């Protein structure tokens, strides 16, 4: 999962309102799932696993 604070820190040039709208749009299109009040994760477990494996491989 990722929090809005983490995303804001990683994307400092994107205004908070725009980030919030983008997250909502991704949820509306079933790309993300809202986990808490300000946490999201990818809807696809397969993509989550792929991302985790590739993040470890690059790190």
C-alpha atoms as a PDB file:
ATOM      1  CA  UNK A   1       0.000   0.000   0.000  1.00  0.00           C
ATOM      2  CA  UNK A   2       0.995   3.606  -0.411  1.00  0.00           C
ATOM      3  CA  UNK A   3      -0.265   6.661   1.425  1.00  0.00           C
ATOM      4  CA  UNK A   4      -1.175   9.993  -0.071  1.00  0.00           C
ATOM      5  CA  UNK A   5       1.638  11.538   1.970  1.00  0.00           C
ATOM      6  CA  UNK A   6       4.166   9.171   0.372  1.00  0.00           C
ATOM      7  CA  UNK A   7       2.843   9.964  -3.093  1.00  0.00           C
ATOM      8  CA  UNK A   8       2.919  13.708  -2.404  1.00  0.00           C
ATOM      9  CA  UNK A   9       6.526  13.447  -1.235  1.00  0.00           C
ATOM     10  CA  UNK A  10       7.516  11.434  -4.325  1.00  0.00           C
ATOM     11  CA  UNK A  11       5.614  13.765  -6.685  1.00  0.00           C
ATOM     12  CA  UNK A  12       6.228  17.249  -5.260  1.00  0.00           C
ATOM     13  CA  UNK A  13       5.271  19.110  -8.450  1.00  0.00           C
ATOM     14  CA  UNK A  14       1.746  17.665  -8.548  1.00  0.00           C
ATOM     15  CA  UNK A  15      -0.812  19.718  -6.592  1.00  0.00           C
ATOM     16  CA  UNK A  16      -2.637  17.869  -3.804  1.00  0.00           C
ATOM     17  CA  UNK A  17      -6.060  18.339  -5.411  1.00  0.00           C
ATOM     18  CA  UNK A  18      -4.848  16.931  -8.719  1.00  0.00           C
ATOM     19  CA  UNK A  19      -3.263  13.937  -6.978  1.00  0.00           C
ATOM     20  CA  UNK A  20      -6.485  13.282  -5.070  1.00  0.00           C
ATOM     21  CA  UNK A  21      -8.551  13.452  -8.289  1.00  0.00           C
ATOM     22  CA  UNK A  22      -6.136  11.138 -10.087  1.00  0.00           C
ATOM     23  CA  UNK A  23      -6.279   8.585  -7.278  1.00  0.00           C
ATOM     24  CA  UNK A  24     -10.080   8.704  -7.343  1.00  0.00           C
ATOM     25  CA  UNK A  25     -10.127   8.250 -11.115  1.00  0.00           C
ATOM     26  CA  UNK A  26      -7.809   5.241 -10.856  1.00  0.00           C
ATOM     27  CA  UNK A  27     -10.164   3.764  -8.247  1.00  0.00           C
ATOM     28  CA  UNK A  28     -13.152   4.442 -10.509  1.00  0.00           C
ATOM     29  CA  UNK A  29     -11.397   2.500 -13.292  1.00  0.00           C
ATOM     30  CA  UNK A  30     -10.527  -0.385 -10.929  1.00  0.00           C
ATOM     31  CA  UNK A  31      -6.784   0.172 -11.211  1.00  0.00           C
ATOM     32  CA  UNK A  32      -6.414   1.065  -7.522  1.00  0.00           C
ATOM     33  CA  UNK A  33      -8.335   0.043  -4.420  1.00  0.00           C
ATOM     34  CA  UNK A  34      -8.673   2.390  -1.478  1.00  0.00           C
ATOM     35  CA  UNK A  35      -7.537   0.526   1.633  1.00  0.00           C
ATOM     36  CA  UNK A  36      -7.966   3.189   4.302  1.00  0.00           C
ATOM     37  CA  UNK A  37      -8.790   6.852   4.528  1.00  0.00           C
ATOM     38  CA  UNK A  38      -5.621   7.767   2.633  1.00  0.00           C
ATOM     39  CA  UNK A  39      -4.045   4.479   1.510  1.00  0.00           C
ATOM     40  CA  UNK A  40      -4.232   2.755  -1.860  1.00  0.00           C
ATOM     41  CA  UNK A  41      -3.014  -0.450  -3.469  1.00  0.00           C
ATOM     42  CA  UNK A  42      -3.182  -1.865  -6.969  1.00  0.00           C
ATOM     43  CA  UNK A  43      -6.390  -3.789  -7.611  1.00  0.00           C
ATOM     44  CA  UNK A  44      -4.600  -6.588  -9.479  1.00  0.00           C
ATOM     45  CA  UNK A  45      -2.752  -9.007  -7.205  1.00  0.00           C
ATOM     46  CA  UNK A  46      -0.736 -10.165 -10.207  1.00  0.00           C
ATOM     47  CA  UNK A  47       0.493  -6.619 -10.839  1.00  0.00           C
ATOM     48  CA  UNK A  48       1.258  -6.169  -7.135  1.00  0.00           C
ATOM     49  CA  UNK A  49       3.454  -9.284  -7.214  1.00  0.00           C
ATOM     50  CA  UNK A  50       5.150  -8.221 -10.452  1.00  0.00           C
ATOM     51  CA  UNK A  51       5.868  -4.777  -9.023  1.00  0.00           C
ATOM     52  CA  UNK A  52       7.238  -6.250  -5.789  1.00  0.00           C
ATOM     53  CA  UNK A  53       9.528  -8.638  -7.674  1.00  0.00           C
ATOM     54  CA  UNK A  54      10.808  -5.959 -10.029  1.00  0.00           C
ATOM     55  CA  UNK A  55      11.314  -3.445  -7.225  1.00  0.00           C
ATOM     56  CA  UNK A  56      13.481  -5.956  -5.361  1.00  0.00           C
ATOM     57  CA  UNK A  57      15.413  -6.828  -8.531  1.00  0.00           C
ATOM     58  CA  UNK A  58      16.182  -3.165  -9.239  1.00  0.00           C
ATOM     59  CA  UNK A  59      17.082  -2.312  -5.635  1.00  0.00           C
END
